[in-house]
């Protein structure tokens, strides 16, 4: 398969990053290990000062910092949160982030945040609803915007499109990029009975500006996207399959539960970096 050569939604390849989590506030800014960039959850830094802000400033002095949100609610039925958008814009500008991202989902109902990322129906109506909201977000923040494919455990009623087609229509009509979570592809493929590689091939891979890798929990009848374990061999294999089609793409190791030592997370980042280098060669 040829490597995609269209517009780079995330700018030049940034290598491999990890998340700035509370457990790493003290040690990450001082690490001597190889690291190419850092990801933050912007909701954790919009209002907090003190130790989190000092850790963020210290990381910013060493690496690019990319915001990856969880509360944008781009697929929700309510108007976009003006206060949140203003804070996000200011943060992205202060960090001089080359791009920012969030999830193609909804996360709020009746003015209350659900503290979960819930799937949308894969339908033309949902595409029509989401596209102008994505355009508004990208225009307000003023940087390239990437949408992540979320994991989900039930299909929402009313869906008439294939999931990959739904992602394609939103990205192309809104003219935004994709954050391809390879672990989510694998989890969803196992849970819903489709072929992960065929799903990847059906995506507009030229729009993939970032990749996420994470671990999951295997239960007897379902895989749970926990971000609480090492990346499994099947996901590493799928990651290589993606890179052979996209070329090098900035890649994040996500670890948000049962967080191990910083060294263990950086070991995962080293493995991803070797695969990136292999594709570049």
Protein backbone atom coordinates (compact mmCIF):
# COMPACT_ATOMS: atom_id res chain seq x y z
CA UNK A 1 0.00 0.00 0.00
CA UNK A 2 1.33 3.49 -0.80
CA UNK A 3 2.00 6.01 1.94
CA UNK A 4 -0.50 8.88 2.07
CA UNK A 5 1.11 12.13 0.92
CA UNK A 6 -1.64 14.73 1.33
CA UNK A 7 -1.75 17.68 3.74
CA UNK A 8 -0.12 17.10 7.14
CA UNK A 9 -2.81 18.12 9.61
CA UNK A 10 -0.42 18.10 12.53
CA UNK A 11 2.47 19.89 10.83
CA UNK A 12 5.87 18.21 10.65
CA UNK A 13 6.16 14.86 12.46
CA UNK A 14 6.84 15.46 16.14
CA UNK A 15 7.91 11.96 17.14
CA UNK A 16 6.52 10.34 20.31
CA UNK A 17 5.01 11.95 23.39
CA UNK A 18 3.46 11.02 26.72
CA UNK A 19 0.83 12.70 28.85
CA UNK A 20 1.66 15.17 31.62
CA UNK A 21 -0.25 13.44 34.40
CA UNK A 22 -0.30 14.45 38.07
CA UNK A 23 1.96 11.54 38.99
CA UNK A 24 4.68 12.93 36.70
CA UNK A 25 4.53 16.64 37.61
CA UNK A 26 7.78 16.51 39.56
CA UNK A 27 9.87 14.06 37.52
CA UNK A 28 8.84 14.55 33.90
CA UNK A 29 10.33 18.06 33.42
CA UNK A 30 13.68 16.74 34.68
CA UNK A 31 13.90 13.45 32.79
CA UNK A 32 16.99 12.72 30.72
CA UNK A 33 15.14 10.08 28.68
CA UNK A 34 14.25 10.66 25.04
CA UNK A 35 10.93 12.46 24.62
CA UNK A 36 9.68 14.51 21.69
CA UNK A 37 6.54 16.26 22.98
CA UNK A 38 4.02 16.29 25.82
CA UNK A 39 0.24 16.11 25.80
CA UNK A 40 -2.03 17.78 28.35
CA UNK A 41 -5.73 17.53 29.10
CA UNK A 42 -6.57 21.26 28.86
CA UNK A 43 -9.41 21.03 31.37
CA UNK A 44 -6.76 20.36 34.02
CA UNK A 45 -4.92 23.59 33.25
CA UNK A 46 -7.56 26.19 32.33
CA UNK A 47 -7.97 27.48 35.89
CA UNK A 48 -5.44 25.70 38.10
CA UNK A 49 -2.21 27.38 39.19
CA UNK A 50 0.39 26.12 41.60
CA UNK A 51 2.16 22.83 41.02
CA UNK A 52 0.29 21.80 37.84
CA UNK A 53 1.03 25.15 36.19
CA UNK A 54 4.69 25.03 37.22
CA UNK A 55 4.99 21.54 35.76
CA UNK A 56 3.36 22.67 32.52
CA UNK A 57 5.65 25.70 32.24
CA UNK A 58 8.71 23.53 32.86
CA UNK A 59 7.65 21.06 30.17
CA UNK A 60 6.90 23.88 27.74
CA UNK A 61 10.49 25.06 28.06
CA UNK A 62 11.72 21.67 26.79
CA UNK A 63 9.09 20.28 24.43
CA UNK A 64 6.07 21.18 22.30
CA UNK A 65 2.86 20.76 24.28
CA UNK A 66 -0.34 19.57 22.58
CA UNK A 67 -3.78 20.00 24.21
CA UNK A 68 -6.18 17.04 23.95
CA UNK A 69 -9.59 17.85 25.42
CA UNK A 70 -12.38 15.75 26.88
CA UNK A 71 -15.11 18.35 27.49
CA UNK A 72 -15.67 20.14 24.18
CA UNK A 73 -18.92 18.24 23.59
CA UNK A 74 -18.68 18.78 19.84
CA UNK A 75 -21.45 16.24 19.17
CA UNK A 76 -23.82 17.36 21.91
CA UNK A 77 -27.25 18.93 21.40
CA UNK A 78 -26.47 22.10 23.37
CA UNK A 79 -24.60 25.19 22.16
CA UNK A 80 -20.84 25.07 22.48
CA UNK A 81 -19.59 26.35 25.84
CA UNK A 82 -18.35 29.89 25.19
CA UNK A 83 -16.33 30.11 28.39
CA UNK A 84 -14.61 26.82 27.65
CA UNK A 85 -13.81 27.85 24.07
CA UNK A 86 -12.34 31.16 25.23
CA UNK A 87 -10.16 29.43 27.80
CA UNK A 88 -9.07 26.80 25.28
CA UNK A 89 -8.16 29.45 22.72
CA UNK A 90 -6.05 31.33 25.27
CA UNK A 91 -4.28 28.15 26.38
CA UNK A 92 -3.52 27.01 22.83
CA UNK A 93 -2.12 30.44 22.01
CA UNK A 94 -0.01 30.59 25.18
CA UNK A 95 1.46 27.16 24.42
CA UNK A 96 1.84 28.02 20.73
CA UNK A 97 0.49 24.52 20.07
CA UNK A 98 0.70 23.50 16.40
CA UNK A 99 -2.72 21.83 16.71
CA UNK A 100 -5.28 20.68 19.29
CA UNK A 101 -7.74 17.82 19.53
CA UNK A 102 -10.86 16.42 21.18
CA UNK A 103 -13.26 13.51 20.68
CA UNK A 104 -16.06 12.96 18.15
CA UNK A 105 -18.70 12.33 20.80
CA UNK A 106 -21.00 14.07 23.23
CA UNK A 107 -20.17 14.65 26.87
CA UNK A 108 -22.87 16.92 28.27
CA UNK A 109 -26.68 16.90 28.60
CA UNK A 110 -28.98 19.39 30.29
CA UNK A 111 -26.02 21.57 31.16
CA UNK A 112 -24.35 18.77 33.16
CA UNK A 113 -21.11 17.09 32.16
CA UNK A 114 -21.46 13.32 32.01
CA UNK A 115 -17.78 12.54 32.71
CA UNK A 116 -17.89 10.08 29.85
CA UNK A 117 -17.36 10.18 26.09
CA UNK A 118 -20.58 8.87 24.56
CA UNK A 119 -20.90 7.85 20.90
CA UNK A 120 -23.02 9.56 18.28
CA UNK A 121 -25.30 7.73 15.86
CA UNK A 122 -23.47 7.08 12.62
CA UNK A 123 -26.00 8.96 10.52
CA UNK A 124 -26.17 11.77 7.94
CA UNK A 125 -28.13 13.83 10.47
CA UNK A 126 -25.29 13.56 13.00
CA UNK A 127 -22.79 14.60 10.31
CA UNK A 128 -24.96 17.62 9.50
CA UNK A 129 -25.10 18.54 13.19
CA UNK A 130 -21.40 18.11 13.95
CA UNK A 131 -19.80 19.70 10.90
CA UNK A 132 -20.70 23.38 11.59
CA UNK A 133 -19.71 22.96 15.23
CA UNK A 134 -16.29 21.62 14.23
CA UNK A 135 -15.84 24.52 11.83
CA UNK A 136 -16.76 26.96 14.58
CA UNK A 137 -14.27 25.43 17.02
CA UNK A 138 -11.46 25.48 14.48
CA UNK A 139 -12.20 29.09 13.53
CA UNK A 140 -12.42 30.26 17.15
CA UNK A 141 -9.18 28.64 18.30
CA UNK A 142 -7.33 29.46 15.10
CA UNK A 143 -5.24 26.28 14.86
CA UNK A 144 -5.73 22.94 13.07
CA UNK A 145 -8.26 20.78 14.92
CA UNK A 146 -8.19 16.97 15.10
CA UNK A 147 -11.11 14.72 16.07
CA UNK A 148 -10.49 11.38 17.76
CA UNK A 149 -12.43 8.20 17.02
CA UNK A 150 -13.78 7.15 20.46
CA UNK A 151 -14.27 3.67 21.84
CA UNK A 152 -17.92 2.65 22.32
CA UNK A 153 -19.78 -0.36 23.66
CA UNK A 154 -23.21 0.03 22.03
CA UNK A 155 -24.30 1.48 18.71
CA UNK A 156 -26.55 4.50 19.09
CA UNK A 157 -30.03 4.18 17.53
CA UNK A 158 -30.54 5.75 14.14
CA UNK A 159 -27.18 4.92 12.64
CA UNK A 160 -27.28 4.17 8.92
CA UNK A 161 -23.62 4.71 8.01
CA UNK A 162 -20.54 2.59 8.51
CA UNK A 163 -18.37 4.02 11.28
CA UNK A 164 -15.43 4.70 8.95
CA UNK A 165 -17.73 6.51 6.50
CA UNK A 166 -19.13 8.60 9.35
CA UNK A 167 -15.62 9.69 10.35
CA UNK A 168 -14.72 10.41 6.73
CA UNK A 169 -17.79 12.57 6.08
CA UNK A 170 -17.29 14.62 9.24
CA UNK A 171 -13.57 15.20 8.61
CA UNK A 172 -13.95 16.04 4.94
CA UNK A 173 -17.02 18.26 5.24
CA UNK A 174 -15.68 20.09 8.31
CA UNK A 175 -12.19 20.19 6.77
CA UNK A 176 -10.50 19.03 9.98
CA UNK A 177 -7.93 16.37 10.81
CA UNK A 178 -8.21 13.01 12.53
CA UNK A 179 -6.57 11.78 15.70
CA UNK A 180 -6.52 8.06 15.08
CA UNK A 181 -6.65 6.11 18.33
CA UNK A 182 -5.32 2.72 17.23
CA UNK A 183 -6.27 1.04 20.50
CA UNK A 184 -9.85 2.27 20.07
CA UNK A 185 -9.92 0.81 16.56
CA UNK A 186 -8.80 -2.55 17.91
CA UNK A 187 -11.19 -2.51 20.89
CA UNK A 188 -14.16 -1.52 18.73
CA UNK A 189 -13.29 -4.07 16.06
CA UNK A 190 -13.18 -6.88 18.63
CA UNK A 191 -16.34 -5.75 20.43
CA UNK A 192 -18.41 -5.13 17.29
CA UNK A 193 -17.09 -7.83 15.01
CA UNK A 194 -15.37 -6.00 12.18
CA UNK A 195 -11.90 -6.16 10.65
CA UNK A 196 -9.58 -3.51 12.11
CA UNK A 197 -7.34 -3.30 9.06
CA UNK A 198 -10.26 -2.92 6.67
CA UNK A 199 -11.57 -0.14 8.93
CA UNK A 200 -8.20 1.65 8.73
CA UNK A 201 -8.15 1.31 4.94
CA UNK A 202 -11.59 2.94 4.71
CA UNK A 203 -10.47 6.10 6.57
CA UNK A 204 -9.17 9.30 4.96
CA UNK A 205 -5.65 8.54 6.14
CA UNK A 206 -4.27 11.70 4.57
CA UNK A 207 -6.06 13.58 7.37
CA UNK A 208 -4.46 11.66 10.25
CA UNK A 209 -2.35 14.19 12.15
CA UNK A 210 -1.80 12.27 15.37
CA UNK A 211 -2.03 8.72 16.72
CA UNK A 212 -2.85 7.45 20.22
CA UNK A 213 -1.69 4.12 21.62
CA UNK A 214 -2.96 2.69 24.92
CA UNK A 215 -3.75 -0.47 26.81
CA UNK A 216 -7.09 -2.08 27.52
CA UNK A 217 -8.65 -4.72 29.77
CA UNK A 218 -9.77 -8.04 28.31
CA UNK A 219 -12.87 -9.50 29.93
CA UNK A 220 -14.62 -12.73 28.89
CA UNK A 221 -17.15 -11.03 26.61
CA UNK A 222 -15.79 -7.52 25.98
CA UNK A 223 -12.64 -5.39 25.77
CA UNK A 224 -12.65 -2.26 27.95
CA UNK A 225 -10.63 0.78 26.87
CA UNK A 226 -8.98 1.55 30.23
CA UNK A 227 -5.69 3.29 29.36
CA UNK A 228 -4.40 1.29 32.30
CA UNK A 229 -2.02 -1.28 30.81
CA UNK A 230 0.84 -1.64 28.33
CA UNK A 231 0.04 -1.58 24.62
CA UNK A 232 -0.70 -5.17 23.57
CA UNK A 233 1.03 -6.94 20.69
CA UNK A 234 -2.07 -6.81 18.48
CA UNK A 235 -2.27 -3.03 18.82
CA UNK A 236 1.45 -2.65 18.09
CA UNK A 237 0.91 -4.70 14.94
CA UNK A 238 -2.06 -2.53 13.92
CA UNK A 239 0.02 0.59 14.62
CA UNK A 240 2.69 -0.62 12.22
CA UNK A 241 -0.02 -1.31 9.64
CA UNK A 242 -1.26 2.28 9.99
CA UNK A 243 2.21 3.81 9.74
CA UNK A 244 2.92 1.87 6.55
CA UNK A 245 -0.01 3.78 5.04
CA UNK A 246 0.40 7.21 6.62
CA UNK A 247 4.14 7.57 7.06
CA UNK A 248 5.47 8.96 10.38
CA UNK A 249 2.73 10.56 12.48
CA UNK A 250 3.09 12.14 15.96
CA UNK A 251 2.23 9.36 18.42
CA UNK A 252 1.15 9.48 22.06
CA UNK A 253 1.40 6.75 24.68
CA UNK A 254 -1.75 7.16 26.81
CA UNK A 255 -1.69 5.84 30.37
CA UNK A 256 -4.38 7.29 32.64
CA UNK A 257 -5.23 4.54 35.17
CA UNK A 258 -3.02 2.32 37.30
CA UNK A 259 -0.22 4.61 36.21
CA UNK A 260 3.19 2.92 36.54
CA UNK A 261 6.60 4.54 36.88
CA UNK A 262 7.62 7.27 34.47
CA UNK A 263 10.31 4.90 33.17
CA UNK A 264 7.70 2.29 32.22
CA UNK A 265 5.71 4.80 30.18
CA UNK A 266 8.87 6.09 28.50
CA UNK A 267 9.79 2.50 27.64
CA UNK A 268 6.52 2.27 25.69
CA UNK A 269 7.38 5.58 24.00
CA UNK A 270 10.78 4.20 23.00
CA UNK A 271 9.12 1.23 21.31
CA UNK A 272 6.80 3.52 19.34
CA UNK A 273 9.75 5.70 18.34
CA UNK A 274 11.60 2.71 16.92
CA UNK A 275 8.59 1.86 14.77
CA UNK A 276 8.38 5.46 13.58
CA UNK A 277 12.05 5.44 12.66
CA UNK A 278 11.65 2.17 10.82
CA UNK A 279 8.84 3.62 8.71
CA UNK A 280 10.85 6.79 8.05
CA UNK A 281 13.78 4.69 6.81
